[in-house]
Amino acid sequence: MTETVVAPEHLDVVIVGAGLSGIGAAYRLQAECPTKTYAVLEARDALGGTWDLFRYPGIRSDSDMFTLGYPFKPWRDAKSIADGPSILRYVQETATEFGIDRNIRYGTKVVAADWSTDRARWTLTLESRDVSGDTERRTLTCGFLYACAGYYNYDHGHAPDFPGADTFAGQIVHPQFWPEDLDYAGKRVVVIGSGATAVTLVPSMADQAELVTMLQRSPTWISAVPGRDKLADRLRATLPPNLAHRLIRTKNILFNIGFYQYCRRRPEAARKLLTGLTTRILKDEQAVAEHFTPTYDPWDQRLCAVPNADFFKAMKKGKAEVVTDHIDSFVPEGIRLKSGRILEADIIITATGLQLLAFGGIAPQVDGESVALSDQFVWQGAMLTGVPNFAVCIGYTNASWTLRADLTSRLVCRVLNHMDKNSYAAVVPKPDGKLDERPLLDLASGYVQRSIGDFPRQGDRHPWKVRQNYLLDSATTMRTGLHKTLEATPKSAVRHRDLSGAPQR
């Protein structure tokens, strides 16, 4: 590693991450704060985030694209539940269409972020790679830092230590690091896991593989959904694109919120509905009872959607099966289960989940002191106590990520304009009383429970409560009084310091 000393560049705003959230944030910043200078820092060599990183067969969204897509750019493809390459093209088109791509700096990772109270600015330590692969470190300063890098680790997936894994004679693959040349044609494949990745892999690999077995410790709620939205097709055929997009988006938001509330308020009825739909497809009550009836209620964990029932159709064709059991150990020929059965396999895919990582690994410091994120509270689902001029993008767990991501980006722009209007150099959320502490993400999923203790907390009341309701958030986020909950530092208090990067006289 070589170290290069360069005079620090200063920007008004730095956005971290060039995925779906970061590109949306850049659009909002350009539209609502047009005088602000900004850059999008992306640690990888391409934009797209999740949709560029994951390359496993069949990768797709489990949310409809009319709500996962941006409100300012209509989704025009045929499929409502879209595949990964289509989503990546959509993000790329957005970045190019609005000139955002010119502000993205690839191969640039934020390795340290230190807020100076005296100077009212962030100093970011960046690690970047040149075309030869050499790495250099440099610094960049900014007035506001916005982390849009999601909440899981791009470098490491969750990988349990399976006894005997080193004795397995075949190939072990984690979906997050899918080999481009993996040949599974005519082979026996075991997929460990029962989440969104597993239920996507099984039908996608079933046509070529001899047999694909999904091995789960316990059942997950899985529901068949249409791959195309027929009403959306009719609206798009007769109405202008922007109007059709708004109407379809509104319809889907209302339906998704309504179904979520139905599941939470009438769990027994929701259970009967979901198991009834699956039984109608599989026509096997015993299989549904054993493999598709979880012990937890619908939406205690995220519900897995399978477009056009492809997962269940693969089972009916005899190309896929589900086994509910616990792993005893790996053996040369496959996996020995606690029941004594051996699942023979040529390839084992460990779809065992993600490893959470707060805000892309950014560990903020304030005046040289590390901030304990787990001691902080989240304001409006966006900013943190104890960390001035800093925002994070956290999507919904029960709806499309982009719904809240876009609201958060609009809120950040509102805060920036509020600061300019009132000549503030810095703002930081401050509660007006004691808050009852609650986990940031209210899901019982294993990947959440493993690491949620490292994240900030939410409180028990607005604006400190991270609600999972887009209708409430859309009605209140842009109307909350900023003066009441944001503690401000006027520019006059730091006027003797250099705020613009130029010497003051």
Protein backbone atom coordinates (compact mmCIF):
# COMPACT_ATOMS: atom_id res chain seq x y z
CA MET A 1 0.00 0.00 0.00
CA THR A 2 1.27 3.46 -0.89
CA GLU A 3 0.22 6.65 0.87
CA THR A 4 -0.28 9.81 -1.16
CA VAL A 5 -0.69 13.20 0.48
CA VAL A 6 -3.17 15.35 -1.44
CA ALA A 7 -4.85 18.60 -0.40
CA PRO A 8 -8.35 17.62 0.76
CA GLU A 9 -11.23 18.31 -1.58
CA HIS A 10 -14.40 19.68 0.01
CA LEU A 11 -17.98 18.86 -1.01
CA ASP A 12 -21.32 19.88 0.44
CA VAL A 13 -22.65 16.32 0.55
CA VAL A 14 -21.13 12.86 0.20
CA ILE A 15 -23.39 9.90 -0.55
CA VAL A 16 -21.91 6.48 0.24
CA GLY A 17 -23.09 3.69 -2.05
CA ALA A 18 -24.16 3.67 -5.71
CA GLY A 19 -26.92 1.11 -5.40
CA LEU A 20 -30.66 1.62 -5.71
CA SER A 21 -30.70 3.92 -2.66
CA GLY A 22 -27.62 5.96 -3.53
CA ILE A 23 -28.75 6.70 -7.08
CA GLY A 24 -32.17 7.74 -5.76
CA ALA A 25 -30.52 9.96 -3.15
CA ALA A 26 -28.41 11.67 -5.82
CA TYR A 27 -31.50 12.36 -7.92
CA ARG A 28 -33.31 13.97 -5.00
CA LEU A 29 -30.26 16.03 -4.10
CA GLN A 30 -29.94 17.34 -7.65
CA ALA A 31 -33.64 18.12 -7.86
CA GLU A 32 -34.24 19.66 -4.44
CA CYS A 33 -30.82 21.08 -3.50
CA PRO A 34 -29.46 22.01 -6.95
CA THR A 35 -26.70 24.27 -5.65
CA LYS A 36 -25.10 21.57 -3.50
CA THR A 37 -21.87 19.94 -4.65
CA TYR A 38 -21.81 16.21 -4.11
CA ALA A 39 -20.21 12.89 -4.99
CA VAL A 40 -21.35 9.29 -4.73
CA LEU A 41 -18.59 7.06 -3.37
CA GLU A 42 -18.81 3.42 -4.41
CA ALA A 43 -16.36 0.86 -3.02
CA ARG A 44 -16.95 -1.54 -5.90
CA ASP A 45 -16.13 -0.97 -9.57
CA ALA A 46 -19.71 -0.77 -10.79
CA LEU A 47 -23.00 0.75 -9.71
CA GLY A 48 -26.06 -1.27 -8.77
CA GLY A 49 -25.22 -2.46 -5.27
CA THR A 50 -27.14 -5.65 -4.51
CA TRP A 51 -28.21 -6.04 -8.12
CA ASP A 52 -24.63 -6.03 -9.38
CA LEU A 53 -23.12 -8.03 -6.52
CA PHE A 54 -25.41 -11.08 -6.60
CA ARG A 55 -25.10 -13.24 -9.71
CA TYR A 56 -26.74 -16.52 -8.71
CA PRO A 57 -29.31 -18.12 -11.06
CA GLY A 58 -32.73 -16.48 -11.06
CA ILE A 59 -31.87 -13.58 -8.76
CA ARG A 60 -34.91 -11.34 -8.55
CA SER A 61 -36.76 -8.91 -6.37
CA ASP A 62 -39.39 -10.16 -3.96
CA SER A 63 -41.12 -6.77 -4.17
CA ASP A 64 -43.03 -5.48 -7.17
CA MET A 65 -41.10 -3.03 -9.32
CA PHE A 66 -43.80 -0.38 -9.26
CA THR A 67 -42.96 0.19 -5.60
CA LEU A 68 -39.32 -0.94 -5.61
CA GLY A 69 -38.69 1.36 -8.57
CA TYR A 70 -38.34 5.11 -8.25
CA PRO A 71 -41.44 7.33 -8.17
CA PHE A 72 -39.74 9.69 -10.65
CA LYS A 73 -38.87 7.01 -13.25
CA PRO A 74 -41.69 4.70 -14.41
CA TRP A 75 -41.00 0.98 -14.57
CA ARG A 76 -41.59 -0.03 -18.21
CA ASP A 77 -40.66 -3.72 -18.34
CA ALA A 78 -43.34 -6.37 -18.56
CA LYS A 79 -42.63 -8.27 -15.34
CA SER A 80 -43.87 -6.85 -12.06
CA ILE A 81 -41.54 -9.16 -10.09
CA ALA A 82 -38.34 -8.49 -12.00
CA ASP A 83 -35.08 -10.38 -12.40
CA GLY A 84 -31.78 -8.95 -11.18
CA PRO A 85 -30.32 -8.00 -14.59
CA SER A 86 -33.49 -6.04 -15.44
CA ILE A 87 -33.31 -4.15 -12.15
CA LEU A 88 -29.61 -3.42 -12.70
CA ARG A 89 -30.36 -1.99 -16.17
CA TYR A 90 -33.07 0.19 -14.63
CA VAL A 91 -30.65 1.62 -12.04
CA GLN A 92 -28.01 2.18 -14.73
CA GLU A 93 -30.53 3.94 -16.99
CA THR A 94 -31.57 6.20 -14.12
CA ALA A 95 -27.98 7.18 -13.35
CA THR A 96 -27.29 7.98 -17.02
CA GLU A 97 -30.59 9.73 -17.75
CA PHE A 98 -30.16 12.23 -14.91
CA GLY A 99 -26.40 12.67 -15.18
CA ILE A 100 -25.77 11.04 -11.82
CA ASP A 101 -23.14 8.73 -13.30
CA ARG A 102 -20.81 11.72 -13.74
CA ASN A 103 -20.68 12.14 -9.96
CA ILE A 104 -19.91 8.52 -9.03
CA ARG A 105 -16.39 7.66 -7.89
CA TYR A 106 -15.79 3.93 -8.18
CA GLY A 107 -13.27 1.85 -6.27
CA THR A 108 -13.48 4.34 -3.41
CA LYS A 109 -14.17 3.04 0.09
CA VAL A 110 -14.78 5.14 3.20
CA VAL A 111 -12.53 3.63 5.87
CA ALA A 112 -12.91 6.40 8.48
CA ALA A 113 -15.25 9.32 9.10
CA ASP A 114 -14.51 11.97 11.74
CA TRP A 115 -16.76 14.91 12.52
CA SER A 116 -15.14 18.11 13.76
CA THR A 117 -17.38 20.26 15.94
CA ASP A 118 -15.02 23.24 15.61
CA ARG A 119 -14.96 23.11 11.83
CA ALA A 120 -18.53 21.77 11.37
CA ARG A 121 -17.47 19.27 8.76
CA TRP A 122 -16.62 15.64 8.16
CA THR A 123 -13.14 14.43 7.29
CA LEU A 124 -13.37 11.15 5.39
CA THR A 125 -10.44 8.84 4.95
CA LEU A 126 -10.81 7.11 1.60
CA GLU A 127 -9.13 4.02 0.24
CA SER A 128 -9.13 3.92 -3.54
CA ARG A 129 -7.70 1.68 -6.23
CA ASP A 130 -6.11 2.83 -9.46
CA VAL A 131 -6.21 0.98 -12.79
CA SER A 132 -3.14 -1.05 -11.85
CA GLY A 133 -4.75 -2.25 -8.64
CA ASP A 134 -2.53 -0.21 -6.35
CA THR A 135 -4.24 1.29 -3.32
CA GLU A 136 -3.83 4.76 -1.96
CA ARG A 137 -5.35 6.66 0.94
CA ARG A 138 -6.46 10.24 0.85
CA THR A 139 -8.90 12.52 2.63
CA LEU A 140 -12.02 14.34 1.58
CA THR A 141 -14.11 16.76 3.62
CA CYS A 142 -17.83 17.35 3.41
CA GLY A 143 -20.56 19.22 5.22
CA PHE A 144 -23.07 16.35 5.29
CA LEU A 145 -22.57 12.58 5.11
CA TYR A 146 -25.35 10.30 3.85
CA ALA A 147 -24.83 6.51 4.11
CA CYS A 148 -26.81 4.64 1.43
CA ALA A 149 -24.85 1.38 1.56
CA GLY A 150 -27.59 -0.78 3.09
CA TYR A 151 -27.12 -2.88 6.19
CA TYR A 152 -25.35 -6.06 5.18
CA ASN A 153 -21.76 -7.01 4.54
CA TYR A 154 -20.77 -7.18 0.87
CA ASP A 155 -17.51 -8.95 1.66
CA HIS A 156 -18.80 -11.71 3.94
CA GLY A 157 -22.03 -13.70 3.99
CA HIS A 158 -23.28 -15.65 6.99
CA ALA A 159 -21.41 -18.95 6.89
CA PRO A 160 -22.13 -21.40 9.73
CA ASP A 161 -19.43 -23.88 10.65
CA PHE A 162 -20.82 -27.19 9.37
CA PRO A 163 -19.12 -30.24 10.91
CA GLY A 164 -17.32 -32.32 8.33
CA ALA A 165 -17.50 -29.68 5.59
CA ASP A 166 -13.89 -30.38 4.64
CA THR A 167 -14.73 -34.03 3.94
CA PHE A 168 -17.41 -33.29 1.32
CA ALA A 169 -16.21 -34.55 -2.07
CA GLY A 170 -18.26 -32.07 -4.09
CA GLN A 171 -18.37 -28.29 -4.34
CA ILE A 172 -19.67 -25.89 -1.67
CA VAL A 173 -20.97 -22.51 -2.90
CA HIS A 174 -22.30 -19.44 -1.10
CA PRO A 175 -24.81 -17.49 -3.25
CA GLN A 176 -23.14 -14.17 -2.43
CA PHE A 177 -19.98 -15.38 -4.20
CA TRP A 178 -21.39 -17.37 -7.09
CA PRO A 179 -18.77 -18.88 -9.47
CA GLU A 180 -19.42 -17.78 -13.04
CA ASP A 181 -18.41 -21.20 -14.40
CA LEU A 182 -20.45 -23.38 -12.03
CA ASP A 183 -21.84 -26.32 -13.98
CA TYR A 184 -24.82 -27.97 -12.31
CA ALA A 185 -26.41 -29.63 -15.34
CA GLY A 186 -27.45 -33.18 -14.49
CA LYS A 187 -26.14 -32.90 -10.95
CA ARG A 188 -27.70 -33.33 -7.52
CA VAL A 189 -27.89 -30.01 -5.72
CA VAL A 190 -28.75 -29.37 -2.07
CA VAL A 191 -29.67 -25.80 -1.11
CA ILE A 192 -29.39 -25.16 2.63
CA GLY A 193 -31.87 -22.50 3.72
CA SER A 194 -35.46 -21.48 3.18
CA GLY A 195 -35.36 -17.72 2.66
CA ALA A 196 -35.76 -15.61 -0.47
CA THR A 197 -32.44 -16.76 -1.95
CA ALA A 198 -33.22 -20.45 -1.52
CA VAL A 199 -36.72 -20.27 -2.97
CA THR A 200 -35.29 -18.38 -5.96
CA LEU A 201 -32.42 -20.82 -6.56
CA VAL A 202 -34.51 -24.00 -6.42
CA PRO A 203 -36.79 -23.39 -9.44
CA SER A 204 -34.03 -21.60 -11.38
CA MET A 205 -31.68 -24.59 -11.15
CA ALA A 206 -34.32 -27.33 -11.37
CA ASP A 207 -34.60 -27.40 -15.17
CA GLN A 208 -30.92 -28.31 -15.64
CA ALA A 209 -30.07 -30.17 -12.45
CA GLU A 210 -30.98 -33.80 -11.85
CA LEU A 211 -32.67 -32.87 -8.56
CA VAL A 212 -32.60 -29.77 -6.36
CA THR A 213 -33.31 -30.32 -2.65
CA MET A 214 -34.09 -27.42 -0.34
CA LEU A 215 -32.98 -28.40 3.16
CA GLN A 216 -34.61 -26.34 5.89
CA ARG A 217 -34.50 -26.55 9.67
CA SER A 218 -38.05 -25.23 9.86
CA PRO A 219 -40.66 -23.97 7.39
CA THR A 220 -40.89 -20.41 6.06
CA TRP A 221 -44.01 -18.64 4.86
CA ILE A 222 -43.94 -18.83 1.05
CA SER A 223 -46.67 -17.39 -1.14
CA ALA A 224 -47.24 -17.58 -4.87
CA VAL A 225 -47.79 -14.21 -6.57
CA PRO A 226 -48.43 -13.25 -10.22
CA GLY A 227 -45.28 -12.55 -12.21
CA ARG A 228 -47.12 -9.90 -14.19
CA ASP A 229 -49.68 -7.36 -13.03
CA LYS A 230 -52.59 -7.57 -15.50
CA LEU A 231 -54.22 -4.36 -14.25
CA ALA A 232 -50.90 -2.59 -14.56
CA ASP A 233 -50.59 -3.80 -18.15
CA ARG A 234 -53.99 -2.36 -19.00
CA LEU A 235 -53.25 0.97 -17.33
CA ARG A 236 -49.89 1.29 -19.08
CA ALA A 237 -51.52 0.52 -22.43
CA THR A 238 -54.05 3.35 -22.10
CA LEU A 239 -52.52 6.08 -19.91
CA PRO A 240 -49.41 8.28 -20.10
CA PRO A 241 -46.41 6.54 -18.48
CA ASN A 242 -46.06 8.84 -15.47
CA LEU A 243 -49.76 8.78 -14.63
CA ALA A 244 -49.99 5.00 -15.07
CA HIS A 245 -46.91 4.52 -12.86
CA ARG A 246 -48.41 6.66 -10.08
CA LEU A 247 -51.73 4.83 -10.15
CA ILE A 248 -50.14 1.37 -10.17
CA ARG A 249 -47.72 2.36 -7.44
CA THR A 250 -50.57 3.66 -5.26
CA LYS A 251 -52.60 0.49 -5.85
CA ASN A 252 -49.71 -1.76 -4.88
CA ILE A 253 -48.79 0.28 -1.82
CA LEU A 254 -52.35 0.06 -0.52
CA PHE A 255 -52.59 -3.67 -1.24
CA ASN A 256 -49.25 -4.48 0.41
CA ILE A 257 -50.00 -2.42 3.52
CA GLY A 258 -53.49 -3.91 3.71
CA PHE A 259 -52.19 -7.48 3.49
CA TYR A 260 -49.49 -6.82 6.08
CA GLN A 261 -52.04 -5.37 8.51
CA TYR A 262 -54.34 -8.32 7.86
CA CYS A 263 -51.53 -10.75 8.74
CA ARG A 264 -50.60 -8.87 11.92
CA ARG A 265 -54.15 -8.36 13.16
CA ARG A 266 -55.65 -11.69 12.12
CA PRO A 267 -52.74 -14.15 12.16
CA GLU A 268 -54.90 -17.29 12.32
CA ALA A 269 -56.94 -16.19 9.31
CA ALA A 270 -53.75 -15.30 7.46
CA ARG A 271 -52.34 -18.76 8.26
CA LYS A 272 -55.40 -20.44 6.79
CA LEU A 273 -55.27 -18.23 3.72
CA LEU A 274 -51.60 -18.92 2.97
CA THR A 275 -51.71 -22.66 3.68
CA GLY A 276 -54.93 -22.92 1.66
CA LEU A 277 -53.33 -21.27 -1.37
CA THR A 278 -50.30 -23.55 -1.17
CA THR A 279 -52.47 -26.66 -0.77
CA ARG A 280 -54.47 -25.65 -3.83
CA ILE A 281 -51.25 -25.54 -5.86
CA LEU A 282 -49.49 -28.65 -4.50
CA LYS A 283 -52.64 -30.69 -3.82
CA ASP A 284 -50.80 -32.35 -0.93
CA GLU A 285 -52.03 -31.40 2.55
CA GLN A 286 -49.38 -33.49 4.28
CA ALA A 287 -46.53 -31.77 2.42
CA VAL A 288 -47.98 -28.36 3.22
CA ALA A 289 -48.37 -29.22 6.90
CA GLU A 290 -44.82 -30.58 7.15
CA HIS A 291 -42.85 -28.15 4.98
CA PHE A 292 -44.88 -24.95 4.50
CA THR A 293 -46.61 -24.28 7.82
CA PRO A 294 -44.23 -22.32 10.08
CA THR A 295 -44.58 -22.13 13.84
CA TYR A 296 -44.37 -18.31 13.72
CA ASP A 297 -47.12 -16.05 12.43
CA PRO A 298 -47.06 -14.51 8.95
CA TRP A 299 -44.79 -11.43 8.83
CA ASP A 300 -43.03 -12.19 12.11
CA GLN A 301 -40.37 -12.79 9.49
CA ARG A 302 -40.37 -11.49 5.93
CA LEU A 303 -42.72 -13.44 3.68
CA CYS A 304 -41.14 -15.06 0.60
CA ALA A 305 -42.91 -14.40 -2.68
CA VAL A 306 -42.57 -16.82 -5.60
CA PRO A 307 -43.77 -15.42 -8.94
CA ASN A 308 -46.10 -17.65 -10.94
CA ALA A 309 -45.70 -20.37 -8.28
CA ASP A 310 -42.43 -21.45 -9.96
CA PHE A 311 -41.07 -22.99 -6.75
CA PHE A 312 -44.14 -25.17 -6.26
CA LYS A 313 -44.30 -26.09 -9.96
CA ALA A 314 -40.73 -27.41 -9.80
CA MET A 315 -41.81 -29.66 -6.93
CA LYS A 316 -44.85 -30.93 -8.83
CA LYS A 317 -42.62 -31.83 -11.80
CA GLY A 318 -40.41 -33.92 -9.52
CA LYS A 319 -37.39 -31.72 -10.23
CA ALA A 320 -37.28 -30.30 -6.69
CA GLU A 321 -38.05 -31.42 -3.17
CA VAL A 322 -38.13 -29.93 0.31
CA VAL A 323 -36.64 -31.70 3.32
CA THR A 324 -37.28 -30.39 6.84
CA ASP A 325 -34.59 -31.70 9.16
CA HIS A 326 -31.41 -30.69 10.98
CA ILE A 327 -27.86 -31.23 9.76
CA ASP A 328 -25.75 -33.71 11.68
CA SER A 329 -22.64 -33.33 9.52
CA PHE A 330 -21.31 -33.14 6.01
CA VAL A 331 -20.03 -36.45 4.64
CA PRO A 332 -18.11 -37.19 1.42
CA GLU A 333 -21.29 -38.03 -0.48
CA GLY A 334 -23.43 -35.18 0.85
CA ILE A 335 -25.18 -34.32 4.11
CA ARG A 336 -26.10 -36.62 6.99
CA LEU A 337 -29.26 -35.44 8.76
CA LYS A 338 -30.19 -35.84 12.42
CA SER A 339 -32.80 -38.37 11.32
CA GLY A 340 -30.02 -40.52 9.87
CA ARG A 341 -30.93 -39.89 6.23
CA ILE A 342 -28.13 -38.93 3.87
CA LEU A 343 -28.86 -36.35 1.18
CA GLU A 344 -26.55 -37.17 -1.69
CA ALA A 345 -25.15 -34.12 -3.43
CA ASP A 346 -22.63 -33.04 -6.03
CA ILE A 347 -23.06 -29.38 -5.09
CA ILE A 348 -24.11 -27.88 -1.76
CA ILE A 349 -25.28 -24.27 -1.76
CA THR A 350 -25.23 -22.56 1.63
CA ALA A 351 -28.08 -20.05 1.29
CA THR A 352 -27.74 -19.42 5.01
CA GLY A 353 -28.34 -15.69 5.01
CA LEU A 354 -26.62 -12.35 5.15
CA GLN A 355 -24.19 -10.87 7.64
CA LEU A 356 -25.46 -7.51 8.85
CA LEU A 357 -23.08 -4.56 8.83
CA ALA A 358 -24.19 -1.15 10.02
CA PHE A 359 -24.16 1.51 7.31
CA GLY A 360 -21.64 -0.10 5.01
CA GLY A 361 -19.09 -0.42 7.78
CA ILE A 362 -18.80 3.32 8.44
CA ALA A 363 -17.83 3.78 12.10
CA PRO A 364 -18.34 7.50 12.73
CA GLN A 365 -16.19 9.45 15.15
CA VAL A 366 -17.02 12.81 16.68
CA ASP A 367 -14.02 14.97 17.56
CA GLY A 368 -11.80 11.90 17.46
CA GLU A 369 -13.99 9.80 19.77
CA SER A 370 -15.71 6.69 18.42
CA VAL A 371 -19.50 6.75 18.56
CA ALA A 372 -21.14 3.67 20.06
CA LEU A 373 -23.91 3.19 17.51
CA SER A 374 -25.85 0.86 19.80
CA ASP A 375 -26.22 3.71 22.31
CA GLN A 376 -27.83 6.05 19.79
CA PHE A 377 -31.43 6.53 18.71
CA VAL A 378 -32.70 6.96 15.18
CA TRP A 379 -34.70 10.08 14.33
CA GLN A 380 -37.29 9.79 11.53
CA GLY A 381 -35.62 6.53 10.51
CA ALA A 382 -32.79 8.65 9.11
CA MET A 383 -30.49 10.63 11.45
CA LEU A 384 -28.76 9.57 14.66
CA THR A 385 -28.44 11.16 18.07
CA GLY A 386 -24.87 12.06 18.90
CA VAL A 387 -23.79 12.29 15.24
CA PRO A 388 -24.25 15.72 13.58
CA ASN A 389 -24.92 16.15 9.85
CA PHE A 390 -25.18 12.41 9.28
CA ALA A 391 -28.02 10.37 7.80
CA VAL A 392 -28.54 6.73 6.95
CA CYS A 393 -30.88 5.06 4.48
CA ILE A 394 -32.90 2.20 5.97
CA GLY A 395 -35.73 0.70 3.93
CA TYR A 396 -38.86 -1.08 5.04
CA THR A 397 -38.84 -4.70 6.17
CA ASN A 398 -42.50 -5.28 5.25
CA ALA A 399 -42.59 -3.40 1.94
CA SER A 400 -40.34 -2.24 -0.87
CA TRP A 401 -37.03 -0.82 0.34
CA THR A 402 -37.29 2.17 -1.99
CA LEU A 403 -40.49 3.50 -0.46
CA ARG A 404 -38.74 4.57 2.72
CA ALA A 405 -35.40 5.19 0.97
CA ASP A 406 -37.00 7.86 -1.19
CA LEU A 407 -38.76 9.42 1.79
CA THR A 408 -35.45 9.54 3.66
CA SER A 409 -33.67 11.21 0.74
CA ARG A 410 -36.40 13.84 0.51
CA LEU A 411 -36.08 14.38 4.27
CA VAL A 412 -32.31 14.83 3.97
CA CYS A 413 -32.88 17.48 1.31
CA ARG A 414 -35.41 19.18 3.57
CA VAL A 415 -32.88 19.23 6.42
CA LEU A 416 -30.19 20.68 4.14
CA ASN A 417 -32.52 23.44 2.95
CA HIS A 418 -33.61 24.07 6.55
CA MET A 419 -29.96 24.55 7.51
CA ASP A 420 -29.34 26.97 4.65
CA LYS A 421 -32.47 28.98 5.38
CA ASN A 422 -31.54 29.39 9.04
CA SER A 423 -27.75 29.73 8.56
CA TYR A 424 -27.02 26.57 10.50
CA ALA A 425 -23.63 24.90 10.24
CA ALA A 426 -24.78 21.66 11.87
CA VAL A 427 -27.84 19.86 13.21
CA VAL A 428 -28.19 16.77 15.37
CA PRO A 429 -31.36 15.02 16.64
CA LYS A 430 -32.06 15.44 20.34
CA PRO A 431 -34.94 13.77 22.24
CA ASP A 432 -37.21 15.96 24.33
CA GLY A 433 -37.39 13.33 27.07
CA LYS A 434 -36.49 9.74 27.92
CA LEU A 435 -37.09 7.20 25.17
CA ASP A 436 -38.01 3.58 25.71
CA GLU A 437 -35.48 1.52 23.78
CA ARG A 438 -36.53 -0.89 21.03
CA PRO A 439 -34.55 -2.78 18.33
CA LEU A 440 -34.10 -0.92 15.06
CA LEU A 441 -35.42 -3.80 12.92
CA ASP A 442 -38.45 -5.56 14.36
CA LEU A 443 -38.02 -8.94 12.67
CA ALA A 444 -37.44 -12.36 14.20
CA SER A 445 -35.35 -13.49 11.20
CA GLY A 446 -32.05 -15.12 12.14
CA TYR A 447 -29.92 -12.74 10.05
CA VAL A 448 -31.45 -9.80 11.93
CA GLN A 449 -31.21 -11.28 15.41
CA ARG A 450 -27.55 -12.26 14.96
CA SER A 451 -26.30 -8.67 14.65
CA ILE A 452 -29.05 -6.23 15.60
CA GLY A 453 -27.27 -5.43 18.87
CA ASP A 454 -24.62 -3.53 16.89
CA PHE A 455 -27.16 -1.12 15.43
CA PRO A 456 -28.75 2.06 16.80
CA ARG A 457 -32.11 1.79 18.57
CA GLN A 458 -35.53 3.16 17.86
CA GLY A 459 -37.73 4.81 20.45
CA ASP A 460 -41.34 4.37 21.49
CA ARG A 461 -42.87 7.44 19.84
CA HIS A 462 -42.71 9.61 16.75
CA PRO A 463 -40.28 10.81 15.40
CA TRP A 464 -38.04 8.28 17.15
CA LYS A 465 -40.07 5.23 16.19
CA VAL A 466 -39.15 3.46 12.94
CA ARG A 467 -42.63 2.65 11.73
CA GLN A 468 -43.32 0.00 9.11
CA ASN A 469 -46.16 1.94 7.53
CA TYR A 470 -45.57 3.97 4.40
CA LEU A 471 -48.93 5.74 4.57
CA LEU A 472 -48.17 7.16 8.02
CA ASP A 473 -44.61 8.01 7.09
CA SER A 474 -45.56 9.71 3.85
CA ALA A 475 -48.09 11.83 5.72
CA THR A 476 -45.73 12.91 8.51
CA THR A 477 -42.08 12.71 7.44
CA MET A 478 -42.06 15.94 5.49
CA ARG A 479 -44.27 17.75 8.01
CA THR A 480 -42.44 17.15 11.30
CA GLY A 481 -41.22 20.38 12.87
CA LEU A 482 -37.45 20.37 12.47
CA HIS A 483 -36.88 23.10 15.06
CA LYS A 484 -38.47 20.94 17.77
CA THR A 485 -36.30 17.85 17.38
CA LEU A 486 -33.05 19.03 15.77
CA GLU A 487 -30.47 20.84 17.87
CA ALA A 488 -28.70 23.36 15.66
CA THR A 489 -25.29 25.03 15.64
CA PRO A 490 -25.44 28.42 13.88
CA LYS A 491 -22.78 29.30 11.36
CA SER A 492 -21.88 32.32 13.46
CA ALA A 493 -20.63 29.97 16.19
CA VAL A 494 -18.02 28.54 13.84
CA ARG A 495 -17.55 31.54 11.55
CA HIS A 496 -13.95 31.94 12.60
CA ARG A 497 -13.33 28.53 11.08
CA ASP A 498 -13.07 27.66 7.39
CA LEU A 499 -16.40 26.23 6.27
CA SER A 500 -16.03 26.54 2.51
CA GLY A 501 -12.49 25.34 1.99
CA ALA A 502 -11.21 28.81 1.16
CA PRO A 503 -9.32 31.11 3.53
CA GLN A 504 -11.49 33.60 5.37
CA ARG A 505 -10.61 37.22 5.83
